[in-house]
Each structure stands twice: as C-alpha cells, then as structure tokens.
Amino acid sequence: MGESNQTPLERLESMKAQARMGGGEKRMDAQHAKGKLTARERIDLLLDPGSFEEMGMLVTHRSTLFGLDKQQFLGDGVVTGYGTVNGRLVYVFSQD
C-alpha cells in the first residue's frame, strides 16, 4: 500500500515499524555479526518483561553538516523510555 493510500493511523504504525528496525535489517545483522545485541534487545534483557514504554521513537535530527541531511533514521539512533527492573520504575536509553 502506497503512502498516499494509508490512513494516518496506518502511516503511524508503518513509521513505528520502521523505527523498530533501527538502521535496517542490514545494520541489525552487522551488530549480531559482531556478537552484539541491538539497543532494543539490550533494553529488553534489562527490564521486566512487557514493562518498556518507548519515548521519542519518531524523532529525527536536524543537522545538515557532513551530509547528514541525506540520512534520516527514526529515533536518531537512540532508544529511550521507561520500564521496571524488579518492579522498580527506571528510565533507560541505549544506542547502537
């Protein structure tokens, strides 16, 4: 379904799915090839199951230097939010 045919809710869900992929499958595979977990995988290991609430998932940078105006990633490479560890509220961030 093309972007122009999507409802606003479908577009939002599409953007969230894209953000969850970080820099894309290729970058996720590169992290795994180095024996590393992705930012979201590390957060999932730290927090109590099902407690993570992500914030800023759709944020992008505004920089135009060094060709960054041609590279936009939702979340801007940082995963932020809150959840619980052993039932205690904590705020977390992680970046790849």
Protein backbone atom coordinates (compact mmCIF):
# COMPACT_ATOMS: atom_id res chain seq x y z
CA MET A 1 0.00 0.00 0.00
CA GLY A 2 1.49 3.35 -1.01
CA GLU A 3 1.91 6.17 1.48
CA SER A 4 -0.79 8.26 -0.18
CA ASN A 5 -3.35 5.46 0.30
CA GLN A 6 -2.63 4.99 4.00
CA THR A 7 -4.80 6.38 6.75
CA PRO A 8 -2.98 8.49 9.34
CA LEU A 9 -3.10 5.56 11.79
CA GLU A 10 -1.65 3.17 9.20
CA ARG A 11 1.11 5.68 8.43
CA LEU A 12 1.92 5.98 12.15
CA GLU A 13 2.11 2.19 12.55
CA SER A 14 4.31 1.98 9.45
CA MET A 15 6.67 4.61 10.87
CA LYS A 16 6.81 2.79 14.23
CA ALA A 17 7.66 -0.49 12.49
CA GLN A 18 10.41 1.28 10.55
CA ALA A 19 11.78 2.81 13.77
CA ARG A 20 11.84 -0.61 15.48
CA MET A 21 14.15 -1.82 12.71
CA GLY A 22 16.78 0.72 13.80
CA GLY A 23 19.03 1.43 10.84
CA GLY A 24 17.50 -1.50 8.97
CA GLU A 25 17.99 -5.24 8.79
CA LYS A 26 21.50 -4.87 7.34
CA ARG A 27 22.67 -2.83 10.35
CA MET A 28 20.98 -5.20 12.79
CA ASP A 29 22.74 -8.13 11.13
CA ALA A 30 26.06 -6.26 11.37
CA GLN A 31 25.55 -5.83 15.14
CA HIS A 32 24.77 -9.54 15.51
CA ALA A 33 27.80 -10.49 13.37
CA LYS A 34 29.99 -8.61 15.87
CA GLY A 35 28.44 -10.63 18.69
CA LYS A 36 26.48 -7.59 19.91
CA LEU A 37 22.81 -7.07 20.65
CA THR A 38 20.84 -4.15 19.25
CA ALA A 39 19.80 -1.27 21.51
CA ARG A 40 16.25 -2.61 21.87
CA GLU A 41 17.48 -6.14 22.56
CA ARG A 42 19.71 -4.85 25.38
CA ILE A 43 16.82 -2.91 26.90
CA ASP A 44 14.58 -5.98 26.67
CA LEU A 45 17.15 -8.00 28.62
CA LEU A 46 17.46 -5.34 31.32
CA LEU A 47 13.82 -4.56 32.01
CA ASP A 48 11.00 -6.67 33.39
CA PRO A 49 9.10 -8.38 30.54
CA GLY A 50 6.44 -6.18 28.95
CA SER A 51 7.25 -3.10 31.04
CA PHE A 52 9.10 -0.97 28.45
CA GLU A 53 7.36 2.17 27.18
CA GLU A 54 9.38 3.83 24.44
CA MET A 55 9.55 7.61 24.07
CA GLY A 56 10.87 9.63 21.13
CA MET A 57 10.61 6.75 18.68
CA LEU A 58 9.89 9.05 15.72
CA VAL A 59 12.45 11.78 16.46
CA THR A 60 14.92 12.73 13.71
CA HIS A 61 17.94 15.01 13.72
CA ARG A 62 18.06 18.45 12.09
CA SER A 63 21.74 18.52 11.17
CA THR A 64 22.76 19.35 7.62
CA LEU A 65 26.51 19.04 8.19
CA PHE A 66 28.64 16.18 6.86
CA GLY A 67 25.87 15.00 4.53
CA LEU A 68 23.54 14.17 7.41
CA ASP A 69 20.69 15.92 5.61
CA LYS A 70 20.67 12.90 3.28
CA GLN A 71 20.46 10.38 6.16
CA GLN A 72 17.39 10.30 8.37
CA PHE A 73 16.68 7.49 10.82
CA LEU A 74 13.60 7.49 13.01
CA GLY A 75 14.68 7.62 16.63
CA ASP A 76 18.01 9.09 15.52
CA GLY A 77 19.96 6.03 16.71
CA VAL A 78 18.86 6.32 20.34
CA VAL A 79 16.20 4.25 22.09
CA THR A 80 14.73 5.98 25.16
CA GLY A 81 11.91 5.17 27.53
CA TYR A 82 10.96 3.76 30.88
CA GLY A 83 10.07 0.43 32.41
CA THR A 84 10.69 -1.56 35.54
CA VAL A 85 13.57 -3.58 36.96
CA ASN A 86 12.38 -5.94 39.70
CA GLY A 87 9.22 -3.84 39.89
CA ARG A 88 11.02 -0.51 40.34
CA LEU A 89 10.47 2.27 37.81
CA VAL A 90 13.59 3.18 35.82
CA TYR A 91 14.30 5.37 32.80
CA VAL A 92 16.67 3.99 30.18
CA PHE A 93 18.41 4.83 26.94
CA SER A 94 20.54 2.78 24.62
CA GLN A 95 22.22 3.47 21.32
CA ASP A 96 23.86 1.37 18.65
